[in-house]
């Protein structure tokens, strides 16, 4: 069968079957405006954006040097300082803002690296199969066999307490979820008509993966990544809380909560960094839920309605 004939036949099949209406080239994920009008999704996006702006502008808006020990110790909020001071006379508000510059960028970096590593390995395993699939999936199963936090603690303790080692430990335990998700999506798409047709036309495996399969698995991976940002913040803060992440005097939210344990009567030492962690984690969870609804192809096909971007 000639290429023009094959293209016409495949175009007719796409027109008759909505399930085959999948792009063979890169297309921007389409967001349904109706989905994004959800109050929780909008609120989560605004709170997450606010924290990102705070992290960028922290050196400008913080009233004191977060490392300076020139204020009265354990001063309650409102007595000359907005959120009080810690046991060393450091301004809690300034350290809270400066901590956003540490926690948020590291969490975003962790998620991006996990997506890249996991998606590439999962795509290779799902598309090529056989011994490649067995090797990658057995390594994935080995990592996922251990509790995530416990394994991250063991790795961070073995590498030594530092933010870099904490990120590396979190990366080792985070990429398998993306590998399994990507593998499952690729397995479901590699036998699709448009992928097989491209291979019959002489497309290389890399071209099939990039142009035929990748555009159709971006949505679920993006949803998982947005939800994992909150998980990454919790994991990194937890490692710092246990003394396996940030070292003093680095302002980091988890380490600030850990310092509050030693001065339990001074409630502001732990409440405000804890609220910071809570708000940004919940915000990214709301964003992830909104993205899941907006990028759900079944909802877009079956329920329809709502303009798209």
Protein backbone atom coordinates (compact mmCIF):
# COMPACT_ATOMS: atom_id res chain seq x y z
CA UNK A 1 0.00 0.00 0.00
CA UNK A 2 1.41 3.41 -0.97
CA UNK A 3 1.96 6.14 1.61
CA UNK A 4 -0.82 8.48 0.32
CA UNK A 5 -3.30 5.58 0.40
CA UNK A 6 -2.22 4.62 3.92
CA UNK A 7 -2.51 8.23 5.12
CA UNK A 8 -6.05 8.53 3.68
CA UNK A 9 -7.11 5.25 5.28
CA UNK A 10 -5.75 6.27 8.66
CA UNK A 11 -7.44 9.70 8.42
CA UNK A 12 -10.80 8.01 7.81
CA UNK A 13 -10.25 5.72 10.79
CA UNK A 14 -9.51 8.72 13.00
CA UNK A 15 -12.64 10.50 11.83
CA UNK A 16 -14.84 7.50 12.59
CA UNK A 17 -13.31 6.57 15.93
CA UNK A 18 -12.88 9.32 18.57
CA UNK A 19 -10.54 7.05 20.53
CA UNK A 20 -8.03 7.33 17.69
CA UNK A 21 -8.06 11.11 17.71
CA UNK A 22 -4.56 11.29 19.15
CA UNK A 23 -1.92 13.60 17.68
CA UNK A 24 1.11 12.22 15.88
CA UNK A 25 3.11 15.32 16.62
CA UNK A 26 3.76 17.45 19.67
CA UNK A 27 0.77 19.44 20.79
CA UNK A 28 0.33 21.59 23.85
CA UNK A 29 -1.93 19.93 26.47
CA UNK A 30 -5.38 21.47 26.28
CA UNK A 31 -6.86 22.86 29.46
CA UNK A 32 -10.60 23.10 29.90
CA UNK A 33 -11.53 26.48 31.31
CA UNK A 34 -14.55 24.97 32.98
CA UNK A 35 -12.29 22.72 35.04
CA UNK A 36 -9.98 25.51 36.09
CA UNK A 37 -12.88 27.60 37.35
CA UNK A 38 -12.97 25.33 40.42
CA UNK A 39 -12.37 27.50 43.51
CA UNK A 40 -9.91 25.08 45.10
CA UNK A 41 -7.81 24.86 41.95
CA UNK A 42 -7.64 28.63 41.61
CA UNK A 43 -6.90 29.09 45.31
CA UNK A 44 -4.14 26.48 45.19
CA UNK A 45 -2.55 28.08 42.13
CA UNK A 46 -2.63 31.52 43.77
CA UNK A 47 -1.09 30.28 47.03
CA UNK A 48 1.62 28.33 45.18
CA UNK A 49 2.38 31.36 43.00
CA UNK A 50 2.51 33.58 46.10
CA UNK A 51 5.10 31.34 47.74
CA UNK A 52 7.18 31.24 44.57
CA UNK A 53 7.12 35.05 44.41
CA UNK A 54 8.09 35.21 48.10
CA UNK A 55 11.02 32.87 47.44
CA UNK A 56 12.21 35.12 44.61
CA UNK A 57 11.79 38.39 46.51
CA UNK A 58 12.86 37.16 49.96
CA UNK A 59 16.16 39.11 50.07
CA UNK A 60 14.24 42.31 49.35
CA UNK A 61 11.27 41.93 51.69
CA UNK A 62 12.87 40.26 54.73
CA UNK A 63 13.29 42.87 57.50
CA UNK A 64 16.40 41.33 59.11
CA UNK A 65 19.35 39.18 58.22
CA UNK A 66 18.10 35.60 58.74
CA UNK A 67 21.49 34.60 60.16
CA UNK A 68 22.04 37.61 62.43
CA UNK A 69 21.79 36.95 66.18
CA UNK A 70 21.24 40.54 67.28
CA UNK A 71 17.69 40.45 68.65
CA UNK A 72 16.27 39.49 72.06
CA UNK A 73 15.97 35.73 72.37
CA UNK A 74 12.58 33.97 72.34
CA UNK A 75 10.67 37.19 71.83
CA UNK A 76 6.95 36.58 71.17
CA UNK A 77 5.29 37.82 67.96
CA UNK A 78 4.27 41.46 68.02
CA UNK A 79 6.88 42.57 70.55
CA UNK A 80 9.12 44.36 68.08
CA UNK A 81 9.17 41.50 65.55
CA UNK A 82 6.38 40.26 63.31
CA UNK A 83 6.70 36.52 64.05
CA UNK A 84 9.00 36.62 67.07
CA UNK A 85 12.58 35.44 67.50
CA UNK A 86 14.23 32.09 68.16
CA UNK A 87 16.57 30.92 70.91
CA UNK A 88 19.56 32.57 69.24
CA UNK A 89 17.92 35.94 68.70
CA UNK A 90 17.20 35.47 64.99
CA UNK A 91 14.07 36.89 63.36
CA UNK A 92 11.62 34.05 62.62
CA UNK A 93 9.86 35.98 59.85
CA UNK A 94 13.10 36.63 57.97
CA UNK A 95 14.17 33.01 58.36
CA UNK A 96 10.76 31.85 57.18
CA UNK A 97 11.04 33.93 54.00
CA UNK A 98 14.63 32.86 53.44
CA UNK A 99 13.64 29.24 54.02
CA UNK A 100 11.30 29.46 51.04
CA UNK A 101 14.38 30.08 48.87
CA UNK A 102 15.78 26.77 50.07
CA UNK A 103 12.82 24.43 50.32
CA UNK A 104 10.80 25.36 47.22
CA UNK A 105 13.61 25.39 44.59
CA UNK A 106 15.02 22.11 45.90
CA UNK A 107 11.58 20.48 45.78
CA UNK A 108 11.03 21.69 42.21
CA UNK A 109 14.50 20.47 41.20
CA UNK A 110 13.81 17.10 42.79
CA UNK A 111 10.53 16.67 40.92
CA UNK A 112 12.02 17.73 37.56
CA UNK A 113 14.93 15.31 37.91
CA UNK A 114 12.60 12.51 39.02
CA UNK A 115 10.35 13.10 36.01
CA UNK A 116 13.28 13.10 33.57
CA UNK A 117 14.91 9.96 34.94
CA UNK A 118 11.71 8.03 35.57
CA UNK A 119 9.98 9.00 32.31
CA UNK A 120 12.99 8.13 30.16
CA UNK A 121 13.55 4.76 31.83
CA UNK A 122 9.83 3.94 31.81
CA UNK A 123 9.44 4.88 28.15
CA UNK A 124 12.43 2.76 27.15
CA UNK A 125 11.16 -0.20 29.18
CA UNK A 126 7.63 0.01 27.81
CA UNK A 127 8.56 0.57 24.17
CA UNK A 128 11.40 -1.93 23.72
CA UNK A 129 10.26 -4.59 26.20
CA UNK A 130 12.06 -7.92 26.65
CA UNK A 131 15.27 -7.87 28.71
CA UNK A 132 15.34 -4.06 28.81
CA UNK A 133 11.90 -4.01 30.41
CA UNK A 134 12.83 -6.76 32.85
CA UNK A 135 16.03 -5.05 33.94
CA UNK A 136 14.51 -1.60 34.49
CA UNK A 137 11.36 -2.88 36.17
CA UNK A 138 13.23 -5.17 38.53
CA UNK A 139 15.36 -2.24 39.69
CA UNK A 140 12.18 -0.19 40.04
CA UNK A 141 10.50 -2.91 42.09
CA UNK A 142 13.59 -3.19 44.28
CA UNK A 143 13.48 0.51 45.16
CA UNK A 144 9.72 0.53 45.68
CA UNK A 145 9.88 -2.52 47.95
CA UNK A 146 11.17 -0.31 50.78
CA UNK A 147 9.16 2.42 52.52
CA UNK A 148 10.00 5.71 50.83
CA UNK A 149 10.84 7.75 53.93
CA UNK A 150 12.82 4.96 55.60
CA UNK A 151 14.91 4.33 52.48
CA UNK A 152 15.54 8.05 52.03
CA UNK A 153 16.66 8.30 55.65
CA UNK A 154 19.07 5.38 55.26
CA UNK A 155 20.58 6.80 52.06
CA UNK A 156 20.88 10.32 53.49
CA UNK A 157 22.50 8.99 56.67
CA UNK A 158 24.97 6.91 54.64
CA UNK A 159 25.89 9.87 52.41
CA UNK A 160 26.14 12.38 55.25
CA UNK A 161 23.92 15.20 56.44
CA UNK A 162 23.64 17.95 53.80
CA UNK A 163 20.98 19.43 51.56
CA UNK A 164 22.64 18.00 48.45
CA UNK A 165 22.69 14.49 49.90
CA UNK A 166 19.09 14.87 51.05
CA UNK A 167 18.02 15.78 47.51
CA UNK A 168 20.01 12.84 46.11
CA UNK A 169 18.42 10.46 48.61
CA UNK A 170 14.96 11.77 47.79
CA UNK A 171 15.68 11.43 44.06
CA UNK A 172 16.66 7.79 44.43
CA UNK A 173 13.31 6.96 46.06
CA UNK A 174 11.16 9.23 43.84
CA UNK A 175 11.90 8.28 40.22
CA UNK A 176 10.39 4.73 40.26
CA UNK A 177 6.79 6.02 40.43
CA UNK A 178 7.31 7.95 37.18
CA UNK A 179 8.99 4.94 35.57
CA UNK A 180 6.05 2.67 36.35
CA UNK A 181 3.48 5.24 35.23
CA UNK A 182 5.30 5.98 31.97
CA UNK A 183 5.84 2.30 31.22
CA UNK A 184 2.14 1.56 31.65
CA UNK A 185 1.16 4.45 29.39
CA UNK A 186 3.66 3.46 26.70
CA UNK A 187 2.54 -0.17 26.81
CA UNK A 188 -1.01 0.97 26.15
CA UNK A 189 -0.01 3.18 23.21
CA UNK A 190 2.78 1.35 21.39
CA UNK A 191 0.33 -0.94 19.59
CA UNK A 192 -2.02 1.90 18.61
CA UNK A 193 -2.82 2.28 14.93
CA UNK A 194 -1.06 5.60 14.50
CA UNK A 195 2.14 4.28 16.14
CA UNK A 196 2.14 1.12 14.04
CA UNK A 197 1.43 3.15 10.91
CA UNK A 198 4.40 5.38 11.63
CA UNK A 199 6.65 2.36 12.05
CA UNK A 200 5.42 0.95 8.73
CA UNK A 201 6.36 4.24 7.13
CA UNK A 202 9.91 3.86 8.44
CA UNK A 203 9.82 5.96 11.61
CA UNK A 204 12.71 5.20 13.98
CA UNK A 205 11.91 4.07 17.55
CA UNK A 206 13.10 7.42 18.94
CA UNK A 207 10.87 9.33 16.51
CA UNK A 208 7.88 7.17 17.42
CA UNK A 209 8.51 7.74 21.10
CA UNK A 210 8.98 11.50 20.75
CA UNK A 211 6.36 12.40 18.16
CA UNK A 212 3.68 9.71 18.47
CA UNK A 213 3.72 8.59 22.11
CA UNK A 214 5.21 11.43 24.18
CA UNK A 215 2.44 13.99 23.43
CA UNK A 216 -0.19 11.58 24.71
CA UNK A 217 1.45 10.75 28.05
CA UNK A 218 2.38 14.29 29.10
CA UNK A 219 -0.93 14.88 30.89
CA UNK A 220 -0.79 12.05 33.47
CA UNK A 221 2.91 12.66 34.12
CA UNK A 222 2.29 16.37 34.62
CA UNK A 223 -0.51 15.62 37.09
CA UNK A 224 1.69 13.26 39.09
CA UNK A 225 4.53 15.79 39.08
CA UNK A 226 2.31 18.59 40.40
CA UNK A 227 1.10 16.35 43.21
CA UNK A 228 4.65 15.21 43.96
CA UNK A 229 5.88 18.75 44.56
CA UNK A 230 4.08 18.74 47.89
CA UNK A 231 5.42 15.27 48.64
CA UNK A 232 8.95 16.44 47.81
CA UNK A 233 8.61 19.40 50.18
CA UNK A 234 7.43 17.10 52.96
CA UNK A 235 10.24 14.62 52.32
CA UNK A 236 13.01 17.22 52.24
CA UNK A 237 11.59 19.00 55.30
CA UNK A 238 11.32 15.67 57.10
CA UNK A 239 14.96 14.83 56.39
CA UNK A 240 16.02 18.26 57.65
CA UNK A 241 13.83 17.81 60.74
CA UNK A 242 15.71 14.60 61.50
CA UNK A 243 19.07 16.31 61.05
CA UNK A 244 19.80 14.63 57.70
CA UNK A 245 19.25 17.67 55.50
CA UNK A 246 20.03 21.33 56.06
CA UNK A 247 22.80 22.12 58.51
CA UNK A 248 22.68 25.06 60.94
CA UNK A 249 22.50 27.97 60.47
CA UNK A 250 20.82 27.44 57.06
CA UNK A 251 17.18 28.60 57.28
CA UNK A 252 15.06 25.64 56.16
CA UNK A 253 11.49 24.96 57.21
CA UNK A 254 12.09 21.42 58.45
CA UNK A 255 15.11 22.40 60.50
CA UNK A 256 13.16 25.35 61.95
CA UNK A 257 10.47 22.96 63.18
CA UNK A 258 13.22 20.76 64.63
CA UNK A 259 14.66 23.74 66.52
CA UNK A 260 11.21 24.43 67.95
CA UNK A 261 11.17 21.02 69.65
CA UNK A 262 13.87 22.21 72.04
CA UNK A 263 11.79 25.27 73.00
CA UNK A 264 8.31 23.81 73.05
CA UNK A 265 6.86 26.62 75.16
CA UNK A 266 7.72 29.15 72.46
CA UNK A 267 4.89 28.06 70.18
CA UNK A 268 5.71 30.47 67.35
CA UNK A 269 8.99 28.70 66.56
CA UNK A 270 7.23 25.65 65.18
CA UNK A 271 3.78 26.92 64.25
CA UNK A 272 4.79 29.35 61.51
CA UNK A 273 7.20 27.11 59.57
CA UNK A 274 4.70 24.29 60.01
CA UNK A 275 1.95 26.47 58.54
CA UNK A 276 4.26 27.37 55.65
CA UNK A 277 4.79 23.69 54.86
CA UNK A 278 1.06 22.98 55.24
CA UNK A 279 -0.11 25.79 52.96
CA UNK A 280 2.25 25.09 50.09
CA UNK A 281 1.72 21.31 50.20
CA UNK A 282 -2.07 21.71 50.18
CA UNK A 283 -1.79 24.33 47.43
CA UNK A 284 0.14 22.03 45.10
CA UNK A 285 -2.28 19.20 45.87
CA UNK A 286 -5.17 21.43 44.79
CA UNK A 287 -3.25 22.35 41.63
CA UNK A 288 -2.64 18.67 40.91
CA UNK A 289 -6.33 17.83 41.33
CA UNK A 290 -7.30 20.68 39.00
CA UNK A 291 -4.74 19.56 36.42
CA UNK A 292 -6.05 16.02 36.59
CA UNK A 293 -9.57 17.20 35.77
CA UNK A 294 -8.37 19.63 33.10
CA UNK A 295 -6.15 17.13 31.27
CA UNK A 296 -8.39 14.06 31.57
CA UNK A 297 -9.01 12.96 27.95
CA UNK A 298 -11.96 10.76 28.94
CA UNK A 299 -13.72 13.68 30.57
CA UNK A 300 -13.02 15.82 27.53
CA UNK A 301 -14.34 13.16 25.15
CA UNK A 302 -17.33 11.83 27.07
CA UNK A 303 -18.60 14.94 28.81
CA UNK A 304 -17.43 17.58 26.34
CA UNK A 305 -18.23 21.23 26.85
CA UNK A 306 -16.10 24.12 28.01
CA UNK A 307 -13.72 26.11 25.85
CA UNK A 308 -10.11 24.98 25.73
CA UNK A 309 -6.79 26.76 25.80
